[in-house]
Amino acid sequence: MARLEAGFLLRRLQQGEILEMPHSRPMPIIGARCHELRVVDAELTWRIIYRIDDDAIVIADVFMKKSKTTSKAVIDRAKKRLKDFDYA
């Protein structure tokens, strides 16, 4: 079920729709145009860190959310991946 919801929400983003809570929230700590997509499965909560570029939705990380805050390790990993993507 979570895969279907994630695919549906990502398709909406690709079509130019701006998602807000409860589906998505901005993550300016990671970078400009970065957001956290929220996908709830039966007993798990998943997060997809993404950035909205002019020509793509760039996925920086996907992880299982276990606490109310996003860990520093996840934030740092997403920042590094986006930096590597930009300079590739």
C-alpha atoms as a PDB file:
ATOM      1  CA  MET A   1       0.000   0.000   0.000  1.00  0.00           C
ATOM      2  CA  ALA A   2       2.800   2.455   0.859  1.00  0.00           C
ATOM      3  CA  ARG A   3       4.418   1.936  -2.563  1.00  0.00           C
ATOM      4  CA  LEU A   4       1.183   2.845  -4.304  1.00  0.00           C
ATOM      5  CA  GLU A   5       0.707   5.959  -2.183  1.00  0.00           C
ATOM      6  CA  ALA A   6       4.329   7.034  -2.697  1.00  0.00           C
ATOM      7  CA  GLY A   7       3.983   6.553  -6.461  1.00  0.00           C
ATOM      8  CA  PHE A   8       0.722   8.479  -6.525  1.00  0.00           C
ATOM      9  CA  LEU A   9       2.181  11.398  -4.555  1.00  0.00           C
ATOM     10  CA  LEU A  10       5.365  11.483  -6.649  1.00  0.00           C
ATOM     11  CA  ARG A  11       3.271  11.536  -9.835  1.00  0.00           C
ATOM     12  CA  ARG A  12       1.341  14.531  -8.482  1.00  0.00           C
ATOM     13  CA  LEU A  13       4.647  16.297  -7.830  1.00  0.00           C
ATOM     14  CA  GLN A  14       5.882  15.481 -11.340  1.00  0.00           C
ATOM     15  CA  GLN A  15       2.732  17.044 -12.745  1.00  0.00           C
ATOM     16  CA  GLY A  16       3.584  20.290 -10.967  1.00  0.00           C
ATOM     17  CA  GLU A  17       1.266  20.056  -7.990  1.00  0.00           C
ATOM     18  CA  ILE A  18       2.556  21.548  -4.751  1.00  0.00           C
ATOM     19  CA  LEU A  19       1.835  19.199  -1.851  1.00  0.00           C
ATOM     20  CA  GLU A  20       1.373  20.432   1.696  1.00  0.00           C
ATOM     21  CA  MET A  21       0.701  18.851   5.088  1.00  0.00           C
ATOM     22  CA  PRO A  22      -0.161  16.152   5.838  1.00  0.00           C
ATOM     23  CA  HIS A  23       1.545  14.745   2.725  1.00  0.00           C
ATOM     24  CA  SER A  24       4.620  16.927   2.542  1.00  0.00           C
ATOM     25  CA  ARG A  25       6.492  19.533   4.510  1.00  0.00           C
ATOM     26  CA  PRO A  26       9.339  21.852   3.547  1.00  0.00           C
ATOM     27  CA  MET A  27      12.852  20.952   4.677  1.00  0.00           C
ATOM     28  CA  PRO A  28      14.855  24.180   4.237  1.00  0.00           C
ATOM     29  CA  ILE A  29      17.517  22.783   6.583  1.00  0.00           C
ATOM     30  CA  ILE A  30      18.497  20.457   3.717  1.00  0.00           C
ATOM     31  CA  GLY A  31      18.313  23.056   0.973  1.00  0.00           C
ATOM     32  CA  ALA A  32      16.180  25.223  -1.259  1.00  0.00           C
ATOM     33  CA  ARG A  33      13.133  23.471  -2.740  1.00  0.00           C
ATOM     34  CA  CYS A  34      13.662  20.429  -0.457  1.00  0.00           C
ATOM     35  CA  HIS A  35      10.748  18.652   1.177  1.00  0.00           C
ATOM     36  CA  GLU A  36       9.884  15.548   3.160  1.00  0.00           C
ATOM     37  CA  LEU A  37       7.116  13.395   1.700  1.00  0.00           C
ATOM     38  CA  ARG A  38       5.169  11.474   4.342  1.00  0.00           C
ATOM     39  CA  VAL A  39       3.895   8.000   3.535  1.00  0.00           C
ATOM     40  CA  VAL A  40       2.101   5.929   6.173  1.00  0.00           C
ATOM     41  CA  ASP A  41       2.048   2.151   5.840  1.00  0.00           C
ATOM     42  CA  ALA A  42       0.109  -0.272   8.047  1.00  0.00           C
ATOM     43  CA  GLU A  43       2.466  -0.016  11.008  1.00  0.00           C
ATOM     44  CA  LEU A  44       5.374   2.018   9.643  1.00  0.00           C
ATOM     45  CA  THR A  45       5.864   5.595   8.599  1.00  0.00           C
ATOM     46  CA  TRP A  46       8.155   6.275   5.640  1.00  0.00           C
ATOM     47  CA  ARG A  47       9.757   9.522   4.558  1.00  0.00           C
ATOM     48  CA  ILE A  48      11.062  10.503   1.149  1.00  0.00           C
ATOM     49  CA  ILE A  49      13.399  13.489   1.065  1.00  0.00           C
ATOM     50  CA  TYR A  50      13.071  15.184  -2.306  1.00  0.00           C
ATOM     51  CA  ARG A  51      13.916  18.391  -4.140  1.00  0.00           C
ATOM     52  CA  ILE A  52      11.808  20.050  -6.794  1.00  0.00           C
ATOM     53  CA  ASP A  53      14.007  21.000  -9.769  1.00  0.00           C
ATOM     54  CA  ASP A  54      12.777  22.628 -12.974  1.00  0.00           C
ATOM     55  CA  ASP A  55      12.936  19.372 -14.919  1.00  0.00           C
ATOM     56  CA  ALA A  56      12.732  16.654 -12.250  1.00  0.00           C
ATOM     57  CA  ILE A  57      11.849  15.544  -8.764  1.00  0.00           C
ATOM     58  CA  VAL A  58      15.187  14.506  -7.244  1.00  0.00           C
ATOM     59  CA  ILE A  59      14.967  11.848  -4.531  1.00  0.00           C
ATOM     60  CA  ALA A  60      17.716  12.310  -1.927  1.00  0.00           C
ATOM     61  CA  ASP A  61      16.716   9.659   0.617  1.00  0.00           C
ATOM     62  CA  VAL A  62      14.023   7.203   1.669  1.00  0.00           C
ATOM     63  CA  PHE A  63      13.877   6.037   5.257  1.00  0.00           C
ATOM     64  CA  MET A  64      11.645   4.646   7.971  1.00  0.00           C
ATOM     65  CA  LYS A  65      10.642   7.356  10.426  1.00  0.00           C
ATOM     66  CA  LYS A  66      10.920   6.267  14.044  1.00  0.00           C
ATOM     67  CA  SER A  67      10.908   9.579  15.911  1.00  0.00           C
ATOM     68  CA  LYS A  68       9.281  12.996  15.644  1.00  0.00           C
ATOM     69  CA  THR A  69      12.428  14.674  14.380  1.00  0.00           C
ATOM     70  CA  THR A  70      14.509  13.883  11.326  1.00  0.00           C
ATOM     71  CA  SER A  71      17.935  12.720  12.469  1.00  0.00           C
ATOM     72  CA  LYS A  72      21.070  14.718  11.752  1.00  0.00           C
ATOM     73  CA  ALA A  73      22.492  11.678   9.943  1.00  0.00           C
ATOM     74  CA  VAL A  74      19.550  11.667   7.486  1.00  0.00           C
ATOM     75  CA  ILE A  75      19.807  15.429   6.947  1.00  0.00           C
ATOM     76  CA  ASP A  76      23.566  15.247   6.349  1.00  0.00           C
ATOM     77  CA  ARG A  77      23.185  12.272   3.982  1.00  0.00           C
ATOM     78  CA  ALA A  78      20.498  14.066   1.947  1.00  0.00           C
ATOM     79  CA  LYS A  79      22.622  17.236   1.729  1.00  0.00           C
ATOM     80  CA  LYS A  80      25.622  15.233   0.512  1.00  0.00           C
ATOM     81  CA  ARG A  81      23.619  13.306  -2.070  1.00  0.00           C
ATOM     82  CA  LEU A  82      22.107  16.489  -3.486  1.00  0.00           C
ATOM     83  CA  LYS A  83      25.514  18.170  -3.579  1.00  0.00           C
ATOM     84  CA  ASP A  84      26.993  15.141  -5.375  1.00  0.00           C
ATOM     85  CA  PHE A  85      24.055  15.157  -7.801  1.00  0.00           C
ATOM     86  CA  ASP A  86      24.527  18.851  -8.573  1.00  0.00           C
ATOM     87  CA  TYR A  87      28.242  18.456  -9.289  1.00  0.00           C
ATOM     88  CA  ALA A  88      28.045  15.192 -11.232  1.00  0.00           C
END
